[in-house]
């Protein structure tokens, strides 16, 4: 198993991009529609390879969000996934840990998780008062600013510094 990193500044590689799009579609039921991203291209990615086959992916967004009156530097975890045939081998855990290690001074890692088991094992907790404002994107178009309670899926892990602050969360952009 080997990991490779890629950023938005890297040149396009058609075979790599096709592998990413294929893995994302396989893992997320075709929701990515053949793209290498869902709502927005992540700033960076880590890819897990088994030989020449792509078996894992995690996107990373580095940004600031606002929680009540505080500006908080975060690592947003984007589209963490492992190919169905390669699951239960620790690849997802290793990708998540490697992303956190590359957080470059961000205080927290944030993730949206329909299935929180992997994140719980990695030290993430649900944000129980997750009143979140974000830019809604649909069909690759911005259409509104939305405020929604995401307390059932929004998770946080402290990477450095103080505890996660209380208050409404403004992502200052799109969801992760």
Protein backbone atom coordinates (compact mmCIF):
# COMPACT_ATOMS: atom_id res chain seq x y z
CA UNK A 1 0.00 0.00 0.00
CA UNK A 2 1.35 3.42 -0.88
CA UNK A 3 -0.04 6.93 -0.50
CA UNK A 4 0.37 9.78 -2.94
CA UNK A 5 -0.62 13.38 -2.43
CA UNK A 6 -2.10 15.75 -4.98
CA UNK A 7 -3.11 19.41 -4.79
CA UNK A 8 -5.19 21.68 -6.99
CA UNK A 9 -1.89 23.07 -8.32
CA UNK A 10 -0.81 19.69 -9.69
CA UNK A 11 -1.14 19.10 -13.40
CA UNK A 12 -4.08 17.05 -14.55
CA UNK A 13 -3.36 13.39 -15.14
CA UNK A 14 -6.18 11.79 -17.14
CA UNK A 15 -5.57 8.25 -15.84
CA UNK A 16 -5.34 9.43 -12.21
CA UNK A 17 -8.44 11.63 -12.57
CA UNK A 18 -10.36 8.73 -14.15
CA UNK A 19 -9.33 6.48 -11.25
CA UNK A 20 -10.46 9.10 -8.70
CA UNK A 21 -13.79 9.64 -10.44
CA UNK A 22 -14.38 5.89 -10.72
CA UNK A 23 -13.60 5.29 -7.04
CA UNK A 24 -15.82 8.18 -5.88
CA UNK A 25 -18.71 6.97 -8.03
CA UNK A 26 -18.28 3.39 -6.77
CA UNK A 27 -18.20 4.50 -3.14
CA UNK A 28 -20.93 7.15 -3.28
CA UNK A 29 -23.49 5.47 -5.55
CA UNK A 30 -22.71 7.52 -8.66
CA UNK A 31 -23.46 10.85 -6.97
CA UNK A 32 -20.26 12.40 -8.32
CA UNK A 33 -21.47 11.75 -11.89
CA UNK A 34 -18.00 10.93 -13.22
CA UNK A 35 -16.34 13.98 -11.64
CA UNK A 36 -13.34 13.98 -9.29
CA UNK A 37 -15.35 16.09 -6.83
CA UNK A 38 -18.93 16.46 -5.59
CA UNK A 39 -19.54 20.14 -4.77
CA UNK A 40 -16.04 21.62 -5.07
CA UNK A 41 -12.50 20.43 -5.78
CA UNK A 42 -10.63 19.86 -2.49
CA UNK A 43 -7.40 21.81 -1.98
CA UNK A 44 -5.45 18.59 -1.52
CA UNK A 45 -5.99 14.86 -1.74
CA UNK A 46 -4.36 11.74 -0.42
CA UNK A 47 -4.75 8.62 -2.50
CA UNK A 48 -4.13 5.02 -1.42
CA UNK A 49 -2.85 2.66 -4.11
CA UNK A 50 -2.56 -1.11 -4.13
CA UNK A 51 -0.19 -1.69 -7.01
CA UNK A 52 -1.64 0.37 -9.86
CA UNK A 53 -5.17 0.28 -8.47
CA UNK A 54 -6.65 3.19 -6.54
CA UNK A 55 -8.27 1.83 -3.37
CA UNK A 56 -8.71 4.90 -1.14
CA UNK A 57 -9.25 8.65 -1.24
CA UNK A 58 -9.53 11.58 1.14
CA UNK A 59 -9.87 15.22 0.14
CA UNK A 60 -8.66 18.02 2.40
CA UNK A 61 -9.94 21.59 2.60
CA UNK A 62 -7.89 24.01 4.68
CA UNK A 63 -9.92 27.04 5.67
CA UNK A 64 -11.24 29.25 8.40
CA UNK A 65 -14.78 28.95 9.71
CA UNK A 66 -16.62 31.16 12.15
CA UNK A 67 -18.06 29.78 15.38
CA UNK A 68 -20.09 32.44 17.16
CA UNK A 69 -17.56 35.32 17.29
CA UNK A 70 -14.41 33.19 16.91
CA UNK A 71 -12.52 32.50 13.69
CA UNK A 72 -11.36 28.88 13.76
CA UNK A 73 -8.78 27.29 11.39
CA UNK A 74 -10.00 23.86 10.27
CA UNK A 75 -9.15 20.89 8.11
CA UNK A 76 -12.29 19.80 6.29
CA UNK A 77 -12.36 16.09 5.49
CA UNK A 78 -13.85 15.56 2.03
CA UNK A 79 -15.08 12.32 0.42
CA UNK A 80 -13.15 9.85 2.58
CA UNK A 81 -13.73 6.49 0.94
CA UNK A 82 -12.24 3.05 0.35
CA UNK A 83 -13.05 0.70 -2.52
CA UNK A 84 -15.55 -1.93 -1.37
CA UNK A 85 -13.12 -4.82 -2.01
CA UNK A 86 -10.40 -3.12 0.09
CA UNK A 87 -12.45 -2.25 3.18
CA UNK A 88 -11.73 -3.45 6.72
CA UNK A 89 -7.97 -3.33 6.15
CA UNK A 90 -7.28 -0.03 7.95
CA UNK A 91 -6.99 2.05 4.77
CA UNK A 92 -9.67 4.57 5.78
CA UNK A 93 -8.12 5.00 9.22
CA UNK A 94 -4.66 5.46 7.71
CA UNK A 95 -5.94 8.04 5.21
CA UNK A 96 -7.72 9.99 7.93
CA UNK A 97 -4.64 9.97 10.17
CA UNK A 98 -2.39 11.04 7.28
CA UNK A 99 -4.75 13.91 6.43
CA UNK A 100 -4.74 15.08 10.05
CA UNK A 101 -0.92 14.96 10.12
CA UNK A 102 -0.90 17.30 7.10
CA UNK A 103 -3.32 19.80 8.67
CA UNK A 104 -0.56 22.45 8.84
CA UNK A 105 -1.54 24.24 12.02
CA UNK A 106 -5.30 23.85 11.75
CA UNK A 107 -6.90 23.60 15.19
CA UNK A 108 -9.68 21.14 14.30
CA UNK A 109 -10.66 18.56 11.73
CA UNK A 110 -14.32 18.62 10.61
CA UNK A 111 -16.22 15.90 8.80
CA UNK A 112 -19.76 15.17 7.69
CA UNK A 113 -20.50 11.50 8.36
CA UNK A 114 -23.67 9.56 7.61
CA UNK A 115 -21.88 6.57 9.19
CA UNK A 116 -19.78 7.89 12.09
CA UNK A 117 -18.11 4.62 13.22
CA UNK A 118 -14.69 5.23 11.63
CA UNK A 119 -14.65 8.82 12.85
CA UNK A 120 -15.63 7.85 16.40
CA UNK A 121 -12.77 5.33 16.51
CA UNK A 122 -10.41 8.10 15.31
CA UNK A 123 -11.44 10.48 18.11
CA UNK A 124 -14.13 12.55 16.38
CA UNK A 125 -17.29 13.58 18.22
CA UNK A 126 -20.62 14.85 17.02
CA UNK A 127 -21.18 18.57 17.46
CA UNK A 128 -24.45 18.43 19.36
CA UNK A 129 -25.45 22.04 18.70
CA UNK A 130 -24.50 22.20 15.04
CA UNK A 131 -26.50 25.17 13.75
CA UNK A 132 -24.57 25.53 10.47
CA UNK A 133 -24.70 28.21 7.77
CA UNK A 134 -23.22 27.30 4.38
CA UNK A 135 -23.34 28.04 0.67
CA UNK A 136 -25.66 25.57 -1.05
CA UNK A 137 -24.40 24.20 -4.36
CA UNK A 138 -26.55 22.05 -6.62
CA UNK A 139 -25.87 20.93 -10.17
CA UNK A 140 -22.56 22.86 -9.98
CA UNK A 141 -24.36 26.15 -9.30
CA UNK A 142 -24.59 28.22 -6.13
CA UNK A 143 -28.23 28.75 -5.33
CA UNK A 144 -28.59 30.00 -1.78
CA UNK A 145 -27.17 30.39 1.69
CA UNK A 146 -28.66 27.75 3.98
CA UNK A 147 -28.84 27.52 7.76
CA UNK A 148 -29.50 24.01 9.04
CA UNK A 149 -29.10 21.83 12.13
CA UNK A 150 -26.47 19.25 11.16
CA UNK A 151 -25.97 17.83 14.65
CA UNK A 152 -26.67 14.27 13.45
CA UNK A 153 -23.77 14.25 10.95
CA UNK A 154 -21.32 17.07 11.76
CA UNK A 155 -18.21 15.83 13.58
CA UNK A 156 -15.13 17.49 15.04
CA UNK A 157 -11.72 16.43 16.34
CA UNK A 158 -9.39 18.79 18.19
CA UNK A 159 -5.94 18.77 16.59
CA UNK A 160 -4.38 21.58 18.65
CA UNK A 161 -5.32 24.32 21.09
CA UNK A 162 -8.54 24.80 23.02
CA UNK A 163 -11.82 22.88 22.90
CA UNK A 164 -14.32 23.46 20.09
CA UNK A 165 -16.19 26.71 20.88
CA UNK A 166 -19.95 26.83 21.39
CA UNK A 167 -22.20 28.76 19.07
CA UNK A 168 -23.59 28.89 15.56
CA UNK A 169 -21.20 27.75 12.84
CA UNK A 170 -20.66 29.63 9.58
CA UNK A 171 -18.60 27.57 7.15
CA UNK A 172 -17.81 30.69 5.11
CA UNK A 173 -18.45 28.61 2.00
CA UNK A 174 -19.69 25.21 0.90
CA UNK A 175 -20.06 22.02 2.96
CA UNK A 176 -17.11 19.64 3.15
